Amino acid sequence: MNDFFSHETAVIDNGAIIGNGTKIWHFSHIMPNCVIGEDCNIGQNVVISPQVVLGRNVKIQNNVSVYTGVVCEDDVFLGPSMVFTNVINPRSHVNRKNEYQPTILRRGASVGANATIICGNEIGEYALIGAGSVVTKSVKPYALVVGNPARQIGWVSKNGYKLHFDQDGIGVCPETGERYKYENESITPI
């Protein structure tokens, strides 16, 4: 039996898999056939739909619905009231449950408060989506995107600091001292 915490008001359906050390807070609903990794934190009023997969140490803030089709790798952060979609052209009178499009958030990606991620896109590892942004296309690893529609305005380190590059294309995280190389429209840790 897994060792996780759930608040007495949380609803956890049979068939949900929940990793050790995970915390599930007030009024959240964990639906069947989802997988939640170890050491996750599921905030207040969160819904995790069937077939959702959350890696280890995923942090989901209050008022987020994670819909079928979403996969979050390890260390993903979902800010308060951010939104996922899972169908491009929803209609109440048309059943499109067989048309859910996958949305993948790679390791370490962060999504700011009130942002919207349109389905069918991939958010690259350690990318940072600014608060209130509307992501309509895939985002590169380490990219900083903001706005509606979201557009890239720079690059960030693993710790979320905007990188500034010297004449040789080297950027340094001010918090960790980690170095990154910019070339060919992408960055890589060095």
N, C-alpha and C. Protein backbone atom coordinates (compact mmCIF):
# COMPACT_ATOMS: atom_id res chain seq x y z
N MET A 1 0.84 -1.19 0.00
CA MET A 1 0.00 0.00 0.00
C MET A 1 0.87 1.24 0.00
N ASN A 2 0.52 2.21 -0.83
CA ASN A 2 1.29 3.44 -0.92
C ASN A 2 1.06 4.33 0.29
N ASP A 3 2.07 5.09 0.64
CA ASP A 3 2.01 5.99 1.77
C ASP A 3 1.93 7.42 1.25
N PHE A 4 0.70 7.94 1.15
CA PHE A 4 0.50 9.32 0.70
C PHE A 4 -0.53 9.97 1.60
N PHE A 5 -0.61 11.30 1.56
CA PHE A 5 -1.57 12.04 2.37
C PHE A 5 -2.69 12.53 1.47
N SER A 6 -3.94 12.40 1.96
CA SER A 6 -5.06 13.05 1.27
C SER A 6 -5.96 13.69 2.33
N HIS A 7 -6.33 14.93 2.08
CA HIS A 7 -7.24 15.63 2.97
C HIS A 7 -8.58 14.91 2.98
N GLU A 8 -9.29 14.99 4.08
CA GLU A 8 -10.56 14.26 4.21
C GLU A 8 -11.61 14.68 3.19
N THR A 9 -11.47 15.88 2.59
CA THR A 9 -12.45 16.32 1.59
C THR A 9 -12.06 15.91 0.17
N ALA A 10 -10.87 15.37 -0.01
CA ALA A 10 -10.44 14.93 -1.34
C ALA A 10 -11.18 13.65 -1.73
N VAL A 11 -11.46 13.49 -3.01
CA VAL A 11 -12.11 12.29 -3.53
C VAL A 11 -11.09 11.56 -4.40
N ILE A 12 -10.82 10.32 -4.04
CA ILE A 12 -9.87 9.50 -4.79
C ILE A 12 -10.61 8.27 -5.29
N ASP A 13 -10.78 8.18 -6.60
CA ASP A 13 -11.51 7.06 -7.19
C ASP A 13 -10.65 5.80 -7.21
N ASN A 14 -11.32 4.65 -7.16
CA ASN A 14 -10.64 3.37 -7.30
C ASN A 14 -9.94 3.32 -8.64
N GLY A 15 -8.75 2.74 -8.65
CA GLY A 15 -7.99 2.62 -9.89
C GLY A 15 -6.97 3.71 -10.10
N ALA A 16 -6.96 4.74 -9.25
CA ALA A 16 -5.92 5.77 -9.33
C ALA A 16 -4.66 5.22 -8.68
N ILE A 17 -3.53 5.49 -9.28
CA ILE A 17 -2.25 5.07 -8.72
C ILE A 17 -1.55 6.32 -8.20
N ILE A 18 -1.20 6.30 -6.90
CA ILE A 18 -0.63 7.48 -6.26
C ILE A 18 0.67 7.07 -5.57
N GLY A 19 1.74 7.80 -5.87
CA GLY A 19 3.06 7.48 -5.34
C GLY A 19 3.26 7.90 -3.90
N ASN A 20 4.24 7.27 -3.27
CA ASN A 20 4.61 7.57 -1.89
C ASN A 20 5.01 9.04 -1.73
N GLY A 21 4.63 9.60 -0.59
CA GLY A 21 5.01 10.96 -0.26
C GLY A 21 4.18 12.04 -0.92
N THR A 22 3.23 11.67 -1.75
CA THR A 22 2.36 12.66 -2.42
C THR A 22 1.36 13.22 -1.43
N LYS A 23 1.02 14.51 -1.61
CA LYS A 23 0.01 15.17 -0.78
C LYS A 23 -1.12 15.67 -1.68
N ILE A 24 -2.36 15.35 -1.29
CA ILE A 24 -3.54 15.76 -2.04
C ILE A 24 -4.40 16.59 -1.11
N TRP A 25 -4.67 17.84 -1.48
CA TRP A 25 -5.31 18.79 -0.57
C TRP A 25 -6.81 18.92 -0.79
N HIS A 26 -7.42 19.87 -0.11
CA HIS A 26 -8.87 20.08 0.00
C HIS A 26 -9.61 20.05 -1.34
N PHE A 27 -10.71 19.34 -1.36
CA PHE A 27 -11.69 19.35 -2.45
C PHE A 27 -11.13 18.93 -3.81
N SER A 28 -10.03 18.21 -3.82
CA SER A 28 -9.48 17.73 -5.08
C SER A 28 -10.10 16.39 -5.45
N HIS A 29 -10.12 16.09 -6.75
CA HIS A 29 -10.71 14.85 -7.25
C HIS A 29 -9.67 14.14 -8.11
N ILE A 30 -9.29 12.96 -7.67
CA ILE A 30 -8.35 12.12 -8.40
C ILE A 30 -9.17 11.01 -9.04
N MET A 31 -9.24 11.00 -10.35
CA MET A 31 -10.11 10.09 -11.08
C MET A 31 -9.42 8.76 -11.36
N PRO A 32 -10.19 7.74 -11.77
CA PRO A 32 -9.60 6.41 -11.99
C PRO A 32 -8.61 6.41 -13.14
N ASN A 33 -7.69 5.45 -13.08
CA ASN A 33 -6.76 5.19 -14.17
C ASN A 33 -5.80 6.33 -14.47
N CYS A 34 -5.55 7.18 -13.48
CA CYS A 34 -4.48 8.16 -13.62
C CYS A 34 -3.30 7.66 -12.79
N VAL A 35 -2.12 8.21 -13.10
CA VAL A 35 -0.91 7.82 -12.38
C VAL A 35 -0.26 9.09 -11.85
N ILE A 36 -0.06 9.13 -10.54
CA ILE A 36 0.58 10.27 -9.88
C ILE A 36 1.86 9.74 -9.23
N GLY A 37 2.99 10.34 -9.58
CA GLY A 37 4.27 9.88 -9.08
C GLY A 37 4.51 10.21 -7.61
N GLU A 38 5.69 9.86 -7.15
CA GLU A 38 6.07 10.09 -5.76
C GLU A 38 6.31 11.58 -5.51
N ASP A 39 6.06 11.98 -4.26
CA ASP A 39 6.39 13.32 -3.76
C ASP A 39 5.74 14.46 -4.54
N CYS A 40 4.56 14.22 -5.10
CA CYS A 40 3.82 15.28 -5.78
C CYS A 40 3.02 16.08 -4.75
N ASN A 41 2.65 17.30 -5.11
CA ASN A 41 1.79 18.12 -4.27
C ASN A 41 0.62 18.59 -5.12
N ILE A 42 -0.57 18.11 -4.79
CA ILE A 42 -1.79 18.42 -5.54
C ILE A 42 -2.58 19.41 -4.70
N GLY A 43 -2.68 20.65 -5.14
CA GLY A 43 -3.30 21.72 -4.36
C GLY A 43 -4.81 21.56 -4.21
N GLN A 44 -5.41 22.60 -3.67
CA GLN A 44 -6.85 22.63 -3.41
C GLN A 44 -7.65 22.74 -4.71
N ASN A 45 -8.76 22.00 -4.78
CA ASN A 45 -9.69 22.09 -5.91
C ASN A 45 -9.03 21.74 -7.25
N VAL A 46 -8.25 20.67 -7.25
CA VAL A 46 -7.58 20.19 -8.46
C VAL A 46 -8.29 18.93 -8.93
N VAL A 47 -8.43 18.78 -10.24
CA VAL A 47 -8.98 17.56 -10.83
C VAL A 47 -7.89 16.91 -11.67
N ILE A 48 -7.66 15.63 -11.43
CA ILE A 48 -6.75 14.84 -12.25
C ILE A 48 -7.61 13.81 -12.97
N SER A 49 -7.71 13.93 -14.30
CA SER A 49 -8.61 13.09 -15.10
C SER A 49 -8.00 11.72 -15.40
N PRO A 50 -8.84 10.80 -15.89
CA PRO A 50 -8.32 9.47 -16.26
C PRO A 50 -7.22 9.55 -17.31
N GLN A 51 -6.27 8.64 -17.21
CA GLN A 51 -5.12 8.50 -18.11
C GLN A 51 -4.08 9.61 -18.01
N VAL A 52 -4.28 10.58 -17.13
CA VAL A 52 -3.23 11.58 -16.90
C VAL A 52 -2.05 10.88 -16.24
N VAL A 53 -0.84 11.29 -16.60
CA VAL A 53 0.36 10.75 -15.97
C VAL A 53 1.18 11.91 -15.42
N LEU A 54 1.46 11.86 -14.12
CA LEU A 54 2.31 12.86 -13.47
C LEU A 54 3.57 12.15 -12.99
N GLY A 55 4.72 12.71 -13.30
CA GLY A 55 5.98 12.15 -12.84
C GLY A 55 6.22 12.46 -11.36
N ARG A 56 7.45 12.32 -10.95
CA ARG A 56 7.85 12.55 -9.56
C ARG A 56 7.98 14.05 -9.30
N ASN A 57 7.58 14.48 -8.10
CA ASN A 57 7.76 15.86 -7.63
C ASN A 57 7.04 16.90 -8.50
N VAL A 58 5.89 16.55 -9.02
CA VAL A 58 5.07 17.51 -9.77
C VAL A 58 4.29 18.34 -8.76
N LYS A 59 4.30 19.66 -8.94
CA LYS A 59 3.59 20.58 -8.06
C LYS A 59 2.44 21.21 -8.84
N ILE A 60 1.21 20.99 -8.36
CA ILE A 60 0.03 21.56 -9.00
C ILE A 60 -0.65 22.48 -7.99
N GLN A 61 -0.70 23.76 -8.32
CA GLN A 61 -1.30 24.74 -7.43
C GLN A 61 -2.84 24.68 -7.51
N ASN A 62 -3.51 25.49 -6.73
CA ASN A 62 -4.97 25.45 -6.59
C ASN A 62 -5.70 25.71 -7.91
N ASN A 63 -6.88 25.09 -8.03
CA ASN A 63 -7.84 25.36 -9.11
C ASN A 63 -7.34 24.99 -10.50
N VAL A 64 -6.69 23.85 -10.62
CA VAL A 64 -6.20 23.38 -11.92
C VAL A 64 -6.90 22.07 -12.27
N SER A 65 -7.37 21.95 -13.52
CA SER A 65 -7.91 20.69 -14.03
C SER A 65 -6.93 20.13 -15.04
N VAL A 66 -6.42 18.94 -14.75
CA VAL A 66 -5.46 18.29 -15.63
C VAL A 66 -6.24 17.23 -16.40
N TYR A 67 -6.49 17.49 -17.68
CA TYR A 67 -7.39 16.67 -18.48
C TYR A 67 -6.69 15.49 -19.13
N THR A 68 -7.49 14.49 -19.48
CA THR A 68 -7.01 13.32 -20.20
C THR A 68 -6.19 13.78 -21.40
N GLY A 69 -5.03 13.15 -21.58
CA GLY A 69 -4.13 13.52 -22.67
C GLY A 69 -2.89 14.25 -22.18
N VAL A 70 -2.91 14.72 -20.92
CA VAL A 70 -1.77 15.46 -20.38
C VAL A 70 -0.80 14.50 -19.70
N VAL A 71 0.48 14.69 -20.00
CA VAL A 71 1.57 13.99 -19.34
C VAL A 71 2.54 15.04 -18.82
N CYS A 72 2.83 14.99 -17.52
CA CYS A 72 3.81 15.89 -16.91
C CYS A 72 4.97 15.03 -16.42
N GLU A 73 6.15 15.29 -16.94
CA GLU A 73 7.32 14.56 -16.48
C GLU A 73 7.75 15.07 -15.10
N ASP A 74 8.82 14.54 -14.55
CA ASP A 74 9.30 14.90 -13.22
C ASP A 74 9.53 16.41 -13.09
N ASP A 75 9.28 16.92 -11.88
CA ASP A 75 9.60 18.29 -11.49
C ASP A 75 8.85 19.37 -12.25
N VAL A 76 7.69 19.06 -12.82
CA VAL A 76 6.87 20.07 -13.49
C VAL A 76 6.11 20.88 -12.45
N PHE A 77 5.96 22.18 -12.71
CA PHE A 77 5.19 23.09 -11.85
C PHE A 77 4.03 23.66 -12.66
N LEU A 78 2.80 23.54 -12.11
CA LEU A 78 1.60 24.11 -12.73
C LEU A 78 1.05 25.17 -11.79
N GLY A 79 1.07 26.43 -12.21
CA GLY A 79 0.67 27.54 -11.37
C GLY A 79 -0.83 27.61 -11.13
N PRO A 80 -1.24 28.45 -10.16
CA PRO A 80 -2.64 28.56 -9.79
C PRO A 80 -3.55 28.90 -10.97
N SER A 81 -4.62 28.17 -11.08
CA SER A 81 -5.69 28.42 -12.06
C SER A 81 -5.23 28.37 -13.52
N MET A 82 -4.09 27.72 -13.79
CA MET A 82 -3.71 27.55 -15.20
C MET A 82 -4.67 26.54 -15.82
N VAL A 83 -4.73 26.52 -17.16
CA VAL A 83 -5.75 25.75 -17.87
C VAL A 83 -5.12 24.89 -18.97
N PHE A 84 -5.59 23.65 -19.06
CA PHE A 84 -5.29 22.79 -20.19
C PHE A 84 -6.55 22.65 -21.03
N THR A 85 -6.38 22.42 -22.33
CA THR A 85 -7.49 21.97 -23.17
C THR A 85 -7.12 20.57 -23.66
N ASN A 86 -8.11 19.82 -24.17
CA ASN A 86 -7.76 18.52 -24.74
C ASN A 86 -8.46 18.25 -26.07
N VAL A 87 -9.26 19.20 -26.55
CA VAL A 87 -9.89 19.11 -27.86
C VAL A 87 -9.75 20.48 -28.52
N ILE A 88 -9.41 20.48 -29.82
CA ILE A 88 -9.20 21.74 -30.53
C ILE A 88 -10.52 22.49 -30.79
N ASN A 89 -11.58 21.77 -31.11
CA ASN A 89 -12.85 22.41 -31.49
C ASN A 89 -14.02 21.84 -30.68
N PRO A 90 -14.06 22.09 -29.38
CA PRO A 90 -15.12 21.50 -28.55
C PRO A 90 -16.50 22.04 -28.90
N ARG A 91 -17.47 21.14 -28.84
CA ARG A 91 -18.88 21.49 -28.99
C ARG A 91 -19.67 20.64 -28.02
N SER A 92 -20.61 21.24 -27.33
CA SER A 92 -21.42 20.51 -26.37
C SER A 92 -22.21 19.39 -27.04
N HIS A 93 -22.69 19.62 -28.25
CA HIS A 93 -23.54 18.64 -28.93
C HIS A 93 -22.76 17.59 -29.73
N VAL A 94 -21.40 17.66 -29.73
CA VAL A 94 -20.58 16.69 -30.45
C VAL A 94 -19.65 16.00 -29.46
N ASN A 95 -19.71 14.67 -29.43
CA ASN A 95 -18.85 13.90 -28.54
C ASN A 95 -17.49 13.70 -29.22
N ARG A 96 -16.45 14.29 -28.65
CA ARG A 96 -15.11 14.18 -29.23
C ARG A 96 -14.13 13.51 -28.27
N LYS A 97 -14.64 12.62 -27.42
CA LYS A 97 -13.77 11.95 -26.44
C LYS A 97 -12.71 11.08 -27.09
N ASN A 98 -12.91 10.70 -28.33
CA ASN A 98 -11.90 9.91 -29.04
C ASN A 98 -10.93 10.79 -29.81
N GLU A 99 -11.04 12.10 -29.65
CA GLU A 99 -10.18 13.04 -30.37
C GLU A 99 -9.27 13.82 -29.44
N TYR A 100 -9.14 13.39 -28.17
CA TYR A 100 -8.26 14.10 -27.25
C TYR A 100 -6.85 14.13 -27.81
N GLN A 101 -6.23 15.29 -27.75
CA GLN A 101 -4.87 15.44 -28.26
C GLN A 101 -3.88 15.47 -27.10
N PRO A 102 -2.76 14.81 -27.24
CA PRO A 102 -1.78 14.76 -26.15
C PRO A 102 -1.08 16.11 -25.94
N THR A 103 -0.81 16.39 -24.70
CA THR A 103 -0.02 17.55 -24.31
C THR A 103 1.05 17.04 -23.36
N ILE A 104 2.31 17.33 -23.68
CA ILE A 104 3.41 16.81 -22.88
C ILE A 104 4.22 17.96 -22.32
N LEU A 105 4.43 17.92 -21.01
CA LEU A 105 5.30 18.89 -20.35
C LEU A 105 6.53 18.12 -19.90
N ARG A 106 7.67 18.49 -20.47
CA ARG A 106 8.91 17.80 -20.19
C ARG A 106 9.49 18.20 -18.84
N ARG A 107 10.41 17.42 -18.38
CA ARG A 107 11.03 17.58 -17.06
C ARG A 107 11.35 19.04 -16.74
N GLY A 108 10.91 19.48 -15.55
CA GLY A 108 11.28 20.78 -15.03
C GLY A 108 10.53 21.97 -15.62
N ALA A 109 9.61 21.75 -16.55
CA ALA A 109 8.86 22.86 -17.13
C ALA A 109 7.97 23.51 -16.07
N SER A 110 7.78 24.83 -16.18
CA SER A 110 6.91 25.57 -15.26
C SER A 110 5.90 26.39 -16.05
N VAL A 111 4.66 26.38 -15.57
CA VAL A 111 3.58 27.13 -16.20
C VAL A 111 3.04 28.12 -15.17
N GLY A 112 3.03 29.40 -15.51
CA GLY A 112 2.60 30.44 -14.59
C GLY A 112 1.10 30.48 -14.37
N ALA A 113 0.71 31.23 -13.35
CA ALA A 113 -0.69 31.38 -12.97
C ALA A 113 -1.53 31.86 -14.15
N ASN A 114 -2.72 31.28 -14.28
CA ASN A 114 -3.72 31.68 -15.28
C ASN A 114 -3.28 31.51 -16.73
N ALA A 115 -2.21 30.79 -16.98
CA ALA A 115 -1.80 30.50 -18.36
C ALA A 115 -2.72 29.42 -18.93
N THR A 116 -2.79 29.38 -20.26
CA THR A 116 -3.57 28.36 -20.95
C THR A 116 -2.65 27.61 -21.91
N ILE A 117 -2.70 26.28 -21.86
CA ILE A 117 -1.92 25.45 -22.77
C ILE A 117 -2.91 24.76 -23.72
N ILE A 118 -2.88 25.13 -24.99
CA ILE A 118 -3.75 24.51 -25.98
C ILE A 118 -3.21 23.11 -26.27
N CYS A 119 -4.10 22.14 -26.37
CA CYS A 119 -3.72 20.73 -26.51
C CYS A 119 -2.93 20.48 -27.79
N GLY A 120 -2.21 19.35 -27.77
CA GLY A 120 -1.45 18.93 -28.93
C GLY A 120 -0.05 19.51 -28.98
N ASN A 121 0.37 20.19 -27.92
CA ASN A 121 1.69 20.83 -27.91
C ASN A 121 2.61 20.17 -26.89
N GLU A 122 3.90 20.38 -27.09
CA GLU A 122 4.91 19.90 -26.15
C GLU A 122 5.63 21.10 -25.56
N ILE A 123 5.75 21.10 -24.25
CA ILE A 123 6.49 22.14 -23.54
C ILE A 123 7.84 21.53 -23.19
N GLY A 124 8.92 22.09 -23.72
CA GLY A 124 10.25 21.52 -23.56
C GLY A 124 10.75 21.56 -22.12
N GLU A 125 11.78 20.76 -21.86
CA GLU A 125 12.31 20.68 -20.50
C GLU A 125 12.80 22.05 -20.03
N TYR A 126 12.46 22.35 -18.79
CA TYR A 126 12.84 23.58 -18.08
C TYR A 126 12.33 24.85 -18.75
N ALA A 127 11.39 24.74 -19.69
CA ALA A 127 10.78 25.93 -20.27
C ALA A 127 9.98 26.65 -19.18
N LEU A 128 9.79 27.95 -19.36
CA LEU A 128 9.04 28.76 -18.40
C LEU A 128 7.95 29.52 -19.16
N ILE A 129 6.70 29.23 -18.82
CA ILE A 129 5.54 29.87 -19.44
C ILE A 129 5.08 30.98 -18.49
N GLY A 130 5.11 32.23 -18.93
CA GLY A 130 4.74 33.35 -18.08
C GLY A 130 3.27 33.34 -17.71
N ALA A 131 2.97 33.96 -16.56
CA ALA A 131 1.59 34.05 -16.07
C ALA A 131 0.68 34.67 -17.13
N GLY A 132 -0.49 34.08 -17.31
CA GLY A 132 -1.49 34.61 -18.24
C GLY A 132 -1.23 34.32 -19.71
N SER A 133 -0.16 33.64 -20.03
CA SER A 133 0.17 33.36 -21.43
C SER A 133 -0.80 32.33 -22.02
N VAL A 134 -0.96 32.38 -23.34
CA VAL A 134 -1.76 31.39 -24.06
C VAL A 134 -0.84 30.70 -25.05
N VAL A 135 -0.51 29.43 -24.76
CA VAL A 135 0.43 28.68 -25.57
C VAL A 135 -0.33 27.96 -26.68
N THR A 136 -0.05 28.35 -27.92
CA THR A 136 -0.75 27.80 -29.08
C THR A 136 0.14 26.91 -29.94
N LYS A 137 1.43 26.82 -29.57
CA LYS A 137 2.36 25.96 -30.32
C LYS A 137 3.40 25.43 -29.34
N SER A 138 4.14 24.42 -29.77
CA SER A 138 5.14 23.80 -28.90
C SER A 138 6.21 24.81 -28.51
N VAL A 139 6.81 24.57 -27.33
CA VAL A 139 7.80 25.47 -26.74
C VAL A 139 9.12 24.73 -26.59
N LYS A 140 10.22 25.37 -27.00
CA LYS A 140 11.54 24.76 -26.95
C LYS A 140 12.01 24.58 -25.50
N PRO A 141 12.91 23.61 -25.28
CA PRO A 141 13.53 23.48 -23.96
C PRO A 141 14.21 24.79 -23.54
N TYR A 142 14.08 25.14 -22.28
CA TYR A 142 14.68 26.33 -21.66
C TYR A 142 14.13 27.66 -22.18
N ALA A 143 13.09 27.62 -23.01
CA ALA A 143 12.54 28.86 -23.56
C ALA A 143 11.71 29.59 -22.53
N LEU A 144 11.74 30.91 -22.60
CA LEU A 144 10.88 31.79 -21.80
C LEU A 144 9.84 32.36 -22.76
N VAL A 145 8.56 32.03 -22.53
CA VAL A 145 7.50 32.54 -23.41
C VAL A 145 6.45 33.29 -22.60
N VAL A 146 5.91 34.35 -23.20
CA VAL A 146 4.89 35.17 -22.55
C VAL A 146 3.90 35.67 -23.60
N GLY A 147 2.72 36.09 -23.15
CA GLY A 147 1.77 36.78 -24.00
C GLY A 147 0.67 35.91 -24.56
N ASN A 148 -0.19 36.57 -25.37
CA ASN A 148 -1.32 35.93 -26.01
C ASN A 148 -1.37 36.38 -27.46
N PRO A 149 -1.01 35.49 -28.40
CA PRO A 149 -0.46 34.16 -28.18
C PRO A 149 0.96 34.26 -27.62
N ALA A 150 1.38 33.21 -26.92
CA ALA A 150 2.70 33.21 -26.30
C ALA A 150 3.78 33.28 -27.37
N ARG A 151 4.80 34.09 -27.08
CA ARG A 151 5.95 34.17 -27.97
C ARG A 151 7.21 34.12 -27.12
N GLN A 152 8.26 33.60 -27.67
CA GLN A 152 9.50 33.46 -26.93
C GLN A 152 10.20 34.80 -26.83
N ILE A 153 10.61 35.15 -25.58
CA ILE A 153 11.33 36.41 -25.36
C ILE A 153 12.73 36.18 -24.79
N GLY A 154 13.11 34.92 -24.63
CA GLY A 154 14.45 34.65 -24.11
C GLY A 154 14.59 33.20 -23.71
N TRP A 155 15.63 32.97 -22.90
CA TRP A 155 15.99 31.63 -22.43
C TRP A 155 16.17 31.69 -20.93
N VAL A 156 15.91 30.57 -20.25
CA VAL A 156 16.08 30.50 -18.80
C VAL A 156 16.94 29.31 -18.42
N SER A 157 17.54 29.42 -17.24
CA SER A 157 18.32 28.32 -16.68
C SER A 157 17.39 27.29 -16.06
N LYS A 158 17.94 26.17 -15.62
CA LYS A 158 17.15 25.15 -14.92
C LYS A 158 16.45 25.75 -13.70
N ASN A 159 17.06 26.74 -13.08
CA ASN A 159 16.48 27.36 -11.88
C ASN A 159 15.56 28.53 -12.21
N GLY A 160 15.29 28.77 -13.48
CA GLY A 160 14.29 29.75 -13.88
C GLY A 160 14.77 31.18 -14.02
N TYR A 161 16.07 31.40 -14.11
CA TYR A 161 16.59 32.75 -14.29
C TYR A 161 16.82 33.04 -15.77
N LYS A 162 16.45 34.25 -16.19
CA LYS A 162 16.68 34.64 -17.58
C LYS A 162 18.17 34.69 -17.83
N LEU A 163 18.58 34.10 -18.95
CA LEU A 163 19.99 34.03 -19.30
C LEU A 163 20.36 35.16 -20.26
N HIS A 164 21.57 35.69 -20.05
CA HIS A 164 22.15 36.71 -20.92
C HIS A 164 23.44 36.11 -21.47
N PHE A 165 23.62 36.18 -22.77
CA PHE A 165 24.73 35.49 -23.42
C PHE A 165 25.82 36.47 -23.83
N ASP A 166 27.08 36.04 -23.65
CA ASP A 166 28.21 36.87 -24.06
C ASP A 166 28.48 36.68 -25.55
N GLN A 167 29.55 37.29 -26.04
CA GLN A 167 29.88 37.23 -27.47
C GLN A 167 30.17 35.82 -27.96
N ASP A 168 30.49 34.91 -27.03
CA ASP A 168 30.75 33.52 -27.40
C ASP A 168 29.51 32.64 -27.26
N GLY A 169 28.36 33.26 -26.92
CA GLY A 169 27.13 32.50 -26.78
C GLY A 169 27.04 31.74 -25.46
N ILE A 170 27.74 32.21 -24.44
CA ILE A 170 27.73 31.57 -23.12
C ILE A 170 26.88 32.40 -22.17
N GLY A 171 25.94 31.73 -21.49
CA GLY A 171 25.13 32.36 -20.46
C GLY A 171 25.34 31.63 -19.15
N VAL A 172 25.26 32.38 -18.03
CA VAL A 172 25.52 31.80 -16.72
C VAL A 172 24.32 32.06 -15.81
N CYS A 173 23.84 31.01 -15.15
CA CYS A 173 22.76 31.16 -14.18
C CYS A 173 23.30 31.92 -12.97
N PRO A 174 22.68 33.05 -12.60
CA PRO A 174 23.19 33.83 -11.47
C PRO A 174 23.04 33.13 -10.11
N GLU A 175 22.17 32.13 -10.04
CA GLU A 175 21.97 31.43 -8.77
C GLU A 175 22.92 30.25 -8.59
N THR A 176 23.12 29.48 -9.66
CA THR A 176 23.90 28.24 -9.53
C THR A 176 25.28 28.31 -10.16
N GLY A 177 25.49 29.28 -11.06
CA GLY A 177 26.75 29.34 -11.80
C GLY A 177 26.80 28.37 -12.97
N GLU A 178 25.73 27.61 -13.19
CA GLU A 178 25.69 26.70 -14.34
C GLU A 178 25.81 27.51 -15.63
N ARG A 179 26.52 26.92 -16.59
CA ARG A 179 26.77 27.59 -17.86
C ARG A 179 25.95 26.94 -18.97
N TYR A 180 25.53 27.77 -19.92
CA TYR A 180 24.72 27.31 -21.05
C TYR A 180 25.31 27.90 -22.33
N LYS A 181 25.23 27.12 -23.40
CA LYS A 181 25.72 27.55 -24.71
C LYS A 181 24.54 27.76 -25.64
N TYR A 182 24.50 28.95 -26.27
CA TYR A 182 23.47 29.27 -27.26
C TYR A 182 24.05 29.06 -28.65
N GLU A 183 23.42 28.18 -29.42
CA GLU A 183 23.78 28.01 -30.82
C GLU A 183 22.66 27.28 -31.54
N ASN A 184 22.50 27.57 -32.80
CA ASN A 184 21.49 26.93 -33.65
C ASN A 184 20.08 27.07 -33.06
N GLU A 185 19.77 28.27 -32.56
CA GLU A 185 18.42 28.58 -32.06
C GLU A 185 18.00 27.72 -30.88
N SER A 186 18.98 27.22 -30.11
CA SER A 186 18.68 26.46 -28.90
C SER A 186 19.82 26.63 -27.91
N ILE A 187 19.60 26.19 -26.67
CA ILE A 187 20.67 26.23 -25.69
C ILE A 187 20.87 24.85 -25.09
N THR A 188 22.10 24.62 -24.65
CA THR A 188 22.42 23.37 -23.98
C THR A 188 23.30 23.67 -22.77
N PRO A 189 23.07 22.94 -21.66
CA PRO A 189 23.96 23.10 -20.50
C PRO A 189 25.36 22.61 -20.88
N ILE A 190 26.38 23.30 -20.36
CA ILE A 190 27.76 22.86 -20.62
C ILE A 190 28.50 22.66 -19.31
